[in-house]
Amino acid sequence: MRIENFFTYYKQQLIARQDQVKQAILTGSAKDWSEYRYLTGKLHALEQEVQELTDLLRKTELEDE
């Protein structure tokens, strides 16, 4: 398996997790304010990780050219 394929797969998994957390926030699954803050923090962390992977994939594509 090429490393780019691994990163692409991992990025898709992170996006799926983001969608799950977004759904939990939108449906009001948080029991209290602290859980809501936890979910929004988790969502922010996942968004940052996806951006890092996107940047890394873009960088490897540029280096391959």
PDB file of N, CA and C in Angstrom:
ATOM      1  N   MET A   1       0.845  -1.185   0.000  1.00  0.00           N
ATOM      2  CA  MET A   1       0.000   0.000   0.000  1.00  0.00           C
ATOM      3  C   MET A   1       0.886   1.242   0.000  1.00  0.00           C
ATOM      4  N   ARG A   2       0.604   2.113  -0.904  1.00  0.00           N
ATOM      5  CA  ARG A   2       1.364   3.364  -0.946  1.00  0.00           C
ATOM      6  C   ARG A   2       0.970   4.241   0.234  1.00  0.00           C
ATOM      7  N   ILE A   3       1.918   5.023   0.703  1.00  0.00           N
ATOM      8  CA  ILE A   3       1.678   5.871   1.867  1.00  0.00           C
ATOM      9  C   ILE A   3       0.574   6.889   1.589  1.00  0.00           C
ATOM     10  N   GLU A   4       0.476   7.363   0.348  1.00  0.00           N
ATOM     11  CA  GLU A   4      -0.579   8.320  -0.007  1.00  0.00           C
ATOM     12  C   GLU A   4      -1.956   7.685   0.146  1.00  0.00           C
ATOM     13  N   ASN A   5      -2.066   6.405  -0.213  1.00  0.00           N
ATOM     14  CA  ASN A   5      -3.342   5.697  -0.067  1.00  0.00           C
ATOM     15  C   ASN A   5      -3.732   5.569   1.400  1.00  0.00           C
ATOM     16  N   PHE A   6      -2.741   5.314   2.244  1.00  0.00           N
ATOM     17  CA  PHE A   6      -2.999   5.231   3.677  1.00  0.00           C
ATOM     18  C   PHE A   6      -3.511   6.559   4.199  1.00  0.00           C
ATOM     19  N   PHE A   7      -2.841   7.659   3.832  1.00  0.00           N
ATOM     20  CA  PHE A   7      -3.252   8.977   4.306  1.00  0.00           C
ATOM     21  C   PHE A   7      -4.638   9.350   3.789  1.00  0.00           C
ATOM     22  N   THR A   8      -4.923   8.991   2.557  1.00  0.00           N
ATOM     23  CA  THR A   8      -6.244   9.272   1.994  1.00  0.00           C
ATOM     24  C   THR A   8      -7.322   8.494   2.741  1.00  0.00           C
ATOM     25  N   TYR A   9      -7.059   7.232   3.022  1.00  0.00           N
ATOM     26  CA  TYR A   9      -8.008   6.414   3.786  1.00  0.00           C
ATOM     27  C   TYR A   9      -8.203   6.991   5.191  1.00  0.00           C
ATOM     28  N   TYR A  10      -7.109   7.344   5.831  1.00  0.00           N
ATOM     29  CA  TYR A  10      -7.167   7.896   7.184  1.00  0.00           C
ATOM     30  C   TYR A  10      -7.943   9.216   7.192  1.00  0.00           C
ATOM     31  N   LYS A  11      -7.725  10.036   6.187  1.00  0.00           N
ATOM     32  CA  LYS A  11      -8.446  11.302   6.073  1.00  0.00           C
ATOM     33  C   LYS A  11      -9.942  11.053   5.937  1.00  0.00           C
ATOM     34  N   GLN A  12     -10.328  10.060   5.156  1.00  0.00           N
ATOM     35  CA  GLN A  12     -11.746   9.734   5.000  1.00  0.00           C
ATOM     36  C   GLN A  12     -12.349   9.280   6.327  1.00  0.00           C
ATOM     37  N   GLN A  13     -11.593   8.524   7.100  1.00  0.00           N
ATOM     38  CA  GLN A  13     -12.060   8.069   8.408  1.00  0.00           C
ATOM     39  C   GLN A  13     -12.240   9.255   9.359  1.00  0.00           C
ATOM     40  N   LEU A  14     -11.319  10.207   9.312  1.00  0.00           N
ATOM     41  CA  LEU A  14     -11.429  11.391  10.156  1.00  0.00           C
ATOM     42  C   LEU A  14     -12.655  12.220   9.785  1.00  0.00           C
ATOM     43  N   ILE A  15     -12.918  12.341   8.502  1.00  0.00           N
ATOM     44  CA  ILE A  15     -14.085  13.094   8.045  1.00  0.00           C
ATOM     45  C   ILE A  15     -15.370  12.398   8.504  1.00  0.00           C
ATOM     46  N   ALA A  16     -15.381  11.078   8.473  1.00  0.00           N
ATOM     47  CA  ALA A  16     -16.546  10.327   8.960  1.00  0.00           C
ATOM     48  C   ALA A  16     -16.755  10.583  10.453  1.00  0.00           C
ATOM     49  N   ARG A  17     -15.673  10.625  11.209  1.00  0.00           N
ATOM     50  CA  ARG A  17     -15.778  10.917  12.645  1.00  0.00           C
ATOM     51  C   ARG A  17     -16.279  12.342  12.861  1.00  0.00           C
ATOM     52  N   GLN A  18     -15.792  13.269  12.031  1.00  0.00           N
ATOM     53  CA  GLN A  18     -16.278  14.649  12.116  1.00  0.00           C
ATOM     54  C   GLN A  18     -17.790  14.688  11.936  1.00  0.00           C
ATOM     55  N   ASP A  19     -18.278  13.984  10.949  1.00  0.00           N
ATOM     56  CA  ASP A  19     -19.713  13.961  10.682  1.00  0.00           C
ATOM     57  C   ASP A  19     -20.490  13.399  11.865  1.00  0.00           C
ATOM     58  N   GLN A  20     -19.936  12.382  12.516  1.00  0.00           N
ATOM     59  CA  GLN A  20     -20.596  11.806  13.688  1.00  0.00           C
ATOM     60  C   GLN A  20     -20.673  12.819  14.830  1.00  0.00           C
ATOM     61  N   VAL A  21     -19.575  13.529  15.051  1.00  0.00           N
ATOM     62  CA  VAL A  21     -19.551  14.524  16.127  1.00  0.00           C
ATOM     63  C   VAL A  21     -20.493  15.679  15.790  1.00  0.00           C
ATOM     64  N   LYS A  22     -20.480  16.122  14.544  1.00  0.00           N
ATOM     65  CA  LYS A  22     -21.397  17.198  14.132  1.00  0.00           C
ATOM     66  C   LYS A  22     -22.841  16.784  14.361  1.00  0.00           C
ATOM     67  N   GLN A  23     -23.155  15.557  14.006  1.00  0.00           N
ATOM     68  CA  GLN A  23     -24.514  15.061  14.183  1.00  0.00           C
ATOM     69  C   GLN A  23     -24.889  15.042  15.662  1.00  0.00           C
ATOM     70  N   ALA A  24     -23.966  14.629  16.501  1.00  0.00           N
ATOM     71  CA  ALA A  24     -24.220  14.600  17.941  1.00  0.00           C
ATOM     72  C   ALA A  24     -24.475  16.014  18.466  1.00  0.00           C
ATOM     73  N   ILE A  25     -23.717  16.981  17.978  1.00  0.00           N
ATOM     74  CA  ILE A  25     -23.908  18.363  18.412  1.00  0.00           C
ATOM     75  C   ILE A  25     -25.260  18.887  17.931  1.00  0.00           C
ATOM     76  N   LEU A  26     -25.567  18.639  16.662  1.00  0.00           N
ATOM     77  CA  LEU A  26     -26.799  19.173  16.075  1.00  0.00           C
ATOM     78  C   LEU A  26     -28.064  18.554  16.661  1.00  0.00           C
ATOM     79  N   THR A  27     -27.989  17.304  17.075  1.00  0.00           N
ATOM     80  CA  THR A  27     -29.177  16.652  17.628  1.00  0.00           C
ATOM     81  C   THR A  27     -29.326  16.879  19.126  1.00  0.00           C
ATOM     82  N   GLY A  28     -28.381  17.595  19.708  1.00  0.00           N
ATOM     83  CA  GLY A  28     -28.476  17.899  21.133  1.00  0.00           C
ATOM     84  C   GLY A  28     -28.145  16.733  22.029  1.00  0.00           C
ATOM     85  N   SER A  29     -27.247  15.872  21.586  1.00  0.00           N
ATOM     86  CA  SER A  29     -26.882  14.689  22.374  1.00  0.00           C
ATOM     87  C   SER A  29     -26.091  15.022  23.637  1.00  0.00           C
ATOM     88  N   ALA A  30     -25.513  16.209  23.664  1.00  0.00           N
ATOM     89  CA  ALA A  30     -24.727  16.587  24.845  1.00  0.00           C
ATOM     90  C   ALA A  30     -25.658  16.728  26.049  1.00  0.00           C
ATOM     91  N   LYS A  31     -25.286  16.079  27.140  1.00  0.00           N
ATOM     92  CA  LYS A  31     -26.117  16.095  28.345  1.00  0.00           C
ATOM     93  C   LYS A  31     -26.041  17.425  29.080  1.00  0.00           C
ATOM     94  N   ASP A  32     -24.863  18.062  28.990  1.00  0.00           N
ATOM     95  CA  ASP A  32     -24.664  19.324  29.690  1.00  0.00           C
ATOM     96  C   ASP A  32     -23.627  20.162  28.946  1.00  0.00           C
ATOM     97  N   TRP A  33     -23.344  21.328  29.521  1.00  0.00           N
ATOM     98  CA  TRP A  33     -22.436  22.271  28.872  1.00  0.00           C
ATOM     99  C   TRP A  33     -21.028  21.688  28.722  1.00  0.00           C
ATOM    100  N   SER A  34     -20.553  20.979  29.702  1.00  0.00           N
ATOM    101  CA  SER A  34     -19.193  20.443  29.625  1.00  0.00           C
ATOM    102  C   SER A  34     -19.083  19.398  28.509  1.00  0.00           C
ATOM    103  N   GLU A  35     -20.111  18.591  28.331  1.00  0.00           N
ATOM    104  CA  GLU A  35     -20.079  17.616  27.234  1.00  0.00           C
ATOM    105  C   GLU A  35     -20.157  18.322  25.882  1.00  0.00           C
ATOM    106  N   TYR A  36     -20.946  19.381  25.804  1.00  0.00           N
ATOM    107  CA  TYR A  36     -21.017  20.168  24.573  1.00  0.00           C
ATOM    108  C   TYR A  36     -19.640  20.755  24.236  1.00  0.00           C
ATOM    109  N   ARG A  37     -18.978  21.296  25.237  1.00  0.00           N
ATOM    110  CA  ARG A  37     -17.634  21.854  25.025  1.00  0.00           C
ATOM    111  C   ARG A  37     -16.656  20.761  24.598  1.00  0.00           C
ATOM    112  N   TYR A  38     -16.777  19.584  25.192  1.00  0.00           N
ATOM    113  CA  TYR A  38     -15.925  18.459  24.808  1.00  0.00           C
ATOM    114  C   TYR A  38     -16.140  18.109  23.336  1.00  0.00           C
ATOM    115  N   LEU A  39     -17.407  18.029  22.913  1.00  0.00           N
ATOM    116  CA  LEU A  39     -17.707  17.678  21.527  1.00  0.00           C
ATOM    117  C   LEU A  39     -17.195  18.740  20.553  1.00  0.00           C
ATOM    118  N   THR A  40     -17.376  20.010  20.902  1.00  0.00           N
ATOM    119  CA  THR A  40     -16.883  21.056  20.000  1.00  0.00           C
ATOM    120  C   THR A  40     -15.351  21.058  19.955  1.00  0.00           C
ATOM    121  N   GLY A  41     -14.713  20.757  21.062  1.00  0.00           N
ATOM    122  CA  GLY A  41     -13.253  20.650  21.075  1.00  0.00           C
ATOM    123  C   GLY A  41     -12.769  19.474  20.244  1.00  0.00           C
ATOM    124  N   LYS A  42     -13.481  18.365  20.353  1.00  0.00           N
ATOM    125  CA  LYS A  42     -13.139  17.181  19.560  1.00  0.00           C
ATOM    126  C   LYS A  42     -13.301  17.470  18.076  1.00  0.00           C
ATOM    127  N   LEU A  43     -14.387  18.163  17.725  1.00  0.00           N
ATOM    128  CA  LEU A  43     -14.624  18.521  16.333  1.00  0.00           C
ATOM    129  C   LEU A  43     -13.505  19.425  15.816  1.00  0.00           C
ATOM    130  N   HIS A  44     -13.106  20.385  16.608  1.00  0.00           N
ATOM    131  CA  HIS A  44     -12.023  21.282  16.211  1.00  0.00           C
ATOM    132  C   HIS A  44     -10.715  20.509  15.994  1.00  0.00           C
ATOM    133  N   ALA A  45     -10.413  19.586  16.885  1.00  0.00           N
ATOM    134  CA  ALA A  45      -9.196  18.780  16.755  1.00  0.00           C
ATOM    135  C   ALA A  45      -9.232  17.929  15.487  1.00  0.00           C
ATOM    136  N   LEU A  46     -10.375  17.332  15.195  1.00  0.00           N
ATOM    137  CA  LEU A  46     -10.506  16.520  13.983  1.00  0.00           C
ATOM    138  C   LEU A  46     -10.345  17.385  12.735  1.00  0.00           C
ATOM    139  N   GLU A  47     -10.908  18.586  12.758  1.00  0.00           N
ATOM    140  CA  GLU A  47     -10.768  19.496  11.619  1.00  0.00           C
ATOM    141  C   GLU A  47      -9.304  19.861  11.394  1.00  0.00           C
ATOM    142  N   GLN A  48      -8.583  20.119  12.470  1.00  0.00           N
ATOM    143  CA  GLN A  48      -7.159  20.438  12.348  1.00  0.00           C
ATOM    144  C   GLN A  48      -6.377  19.259  11.783  1.00  0.00           C
ATOM    145  N   GLU A  49      -6.696  18.064  12.231  1.00  0.00           N
ATOM    146  CA  GLU A  49      -5.992  16.879  11.751  1.00  0.00           C
ATOM    147  C   GLU A  49      -6.252  16.642  10.263  1.00  0.00           C
ATOM    148  N   VAL A  50      -7.492  16.837   9.841  1.00  0.00           N
ATOM    149  CA  VAL A  50      -7.819  16.696   8.419  1.00  0.00           C
ATOM    150  C   VAL A  50      -7.038  17.722   7.611  1.00  0.00           C
ATOM    151  N   GLN A  51      -6.945  18.946   8.105  1.00  0.00           N
ATOM    152  CA  GLN A  51      -6.201  19.976   7.387  1.00  0.00           C
ATOM    153  C   GLN A  51      -4.717  19.631   7.286  1.00  0.00           C
ATOM    154  N   GLU A  52      -4.153  19.107   8.364  1.00  0.00           N
ATOM    155  CA  GLU A  52      -2.745  18.695   8.338  1.00  0.00           C
ATOM    156  C   GLU A  52      -2.518  17.595   7.304  1.00  0.00           C
ATOM    157  N   LEU A  53      -3.398  16.612   7.263  1.00  0.00           N
ATOM    158  CA  LEU A  53      -3.274  15.534   6.280  1.00  0.00           C
ATOM    159  C   LEU A  53      -3.428  16.069   4.858  1.00  0.00           C
ATOM    160  N   THR A  54      -4.370  16.977   4.661  1.00  0.00           N
ATOM    161  CA  THR A  54      -4.570  17.578   3.342  1.00  0.00           C
ATOM    162  C   THR A  54      -3.314  18.300   2.899  1.00  0.00           C
ATOM    163  N   ASP A  55      -2.732  19.082   3.796  1.00  0.00           N
ATOM    164  CA  ASP A  55      -1.500  19.801   3.474  1.00  0.00           C
ATOM    165  C   ASP A  55      -0.358  18.838   3.163  1.00  0.00           C
ATOM    166  N   LEU A  56      -0.260  17.770   3.935  1.00  0.00           N
ATOM    167  CA  LEU A  56       0.788  16.780   3.716  1.00  0.00           C
ATOM    168  C   LEU A  56       0.618  16.089   2.367  1.00  0.00           C
ATOM    169  N   LEU A  57      -0.609  15.705   2.050  1.00  0.00           N
ATOM    170  CA  LEU A  57      -0.865  15.069   0.750  1.00  0.00           C
ATOM    171  C   LEU A  57      -0.544  16.024  -0.396  1.00  0.00           C
ATOM    172  N   ARG A  58      -0.925  17.272  -0.236  1.00  0.00           N
ATOM    173  CA  ARG A  58      -0.642  18.263  -1.262  1.00  0.00           C
ATOM    174  C   ARG A  58       0.886  18.436  -1.434  1.00  0.00           C
ATOM    175  N   LYS A  59       1.588  18.453  -0.330  1.00  0.00           N
ATOM    176  CA  LYS A  59       3.048  18.620  -0.362  1.00  0.00           C
ATOM    177  C   LYS A  59       3.715  17.437  -1.066  1.00  0.00           C
ATOM    178  N   THR A  60       3.250  16.205  -0.771  1.00  0.00           N
ATOM    179  CA  THR A  60       3.858  15.041  -1.412  1.00  0.00           C
ATOM    180  C   THR A  60       3.551  15.012  -2.896  1.00  0.00           C
ATOM    181  N   GLU A  61       2.378  15.500  -3.290  1.00  0.00           N
ATOM    182  CA  GLU A  61       2.054  15.569  -4.715  1.00  0.00           C
ATOM    183  C   GLU A  61       2.976  16.554  -5.431  1.00  0.00           C
ATOM    184  N   LEU A  62       3.248  17.687  -4.790  1.00  0.00           N
ATOM    185  CA  LEU A  62       4.125  18.686  -5.388  1.00  0.00           C
ATOM    186  C   LEU A  62       5.569  18.180  -5.500  1.00  0.00           C
ATOM    187  N   GLU A  63       6.012  17.432  -4.484  1.00  0.00           N
ATOM    188  CA  GLU A  63       7.377  16.920  -4.499  1.00  0.00           C
ATOM    189  C   GLU A  63       7.554  15.830  -5.546  1.00  0.00           C
ATOM    190  N   ASP A  64       6.481  15.090  -5.849  1.00  0.00           N
ATOM    191  CA  ASP A  64       6.558  14.027  -6.844  1.00  0.00           C
ATOM    192  C   ASP A  64       6.682  14.569  -8.253  1.00  0.00           C
ATOM    193  N   GLU A  65       6.265  15.796  -8.473  1.00  0.00           N
ATOM    194  CA  GLU A  65       6.284  16.358  -9.833  1.00  0.00           C
ATOM    195  C   GLU A  65       7.654  16.743 -10.281  1.00  0.00           C
TER     196      GLU A  65
END
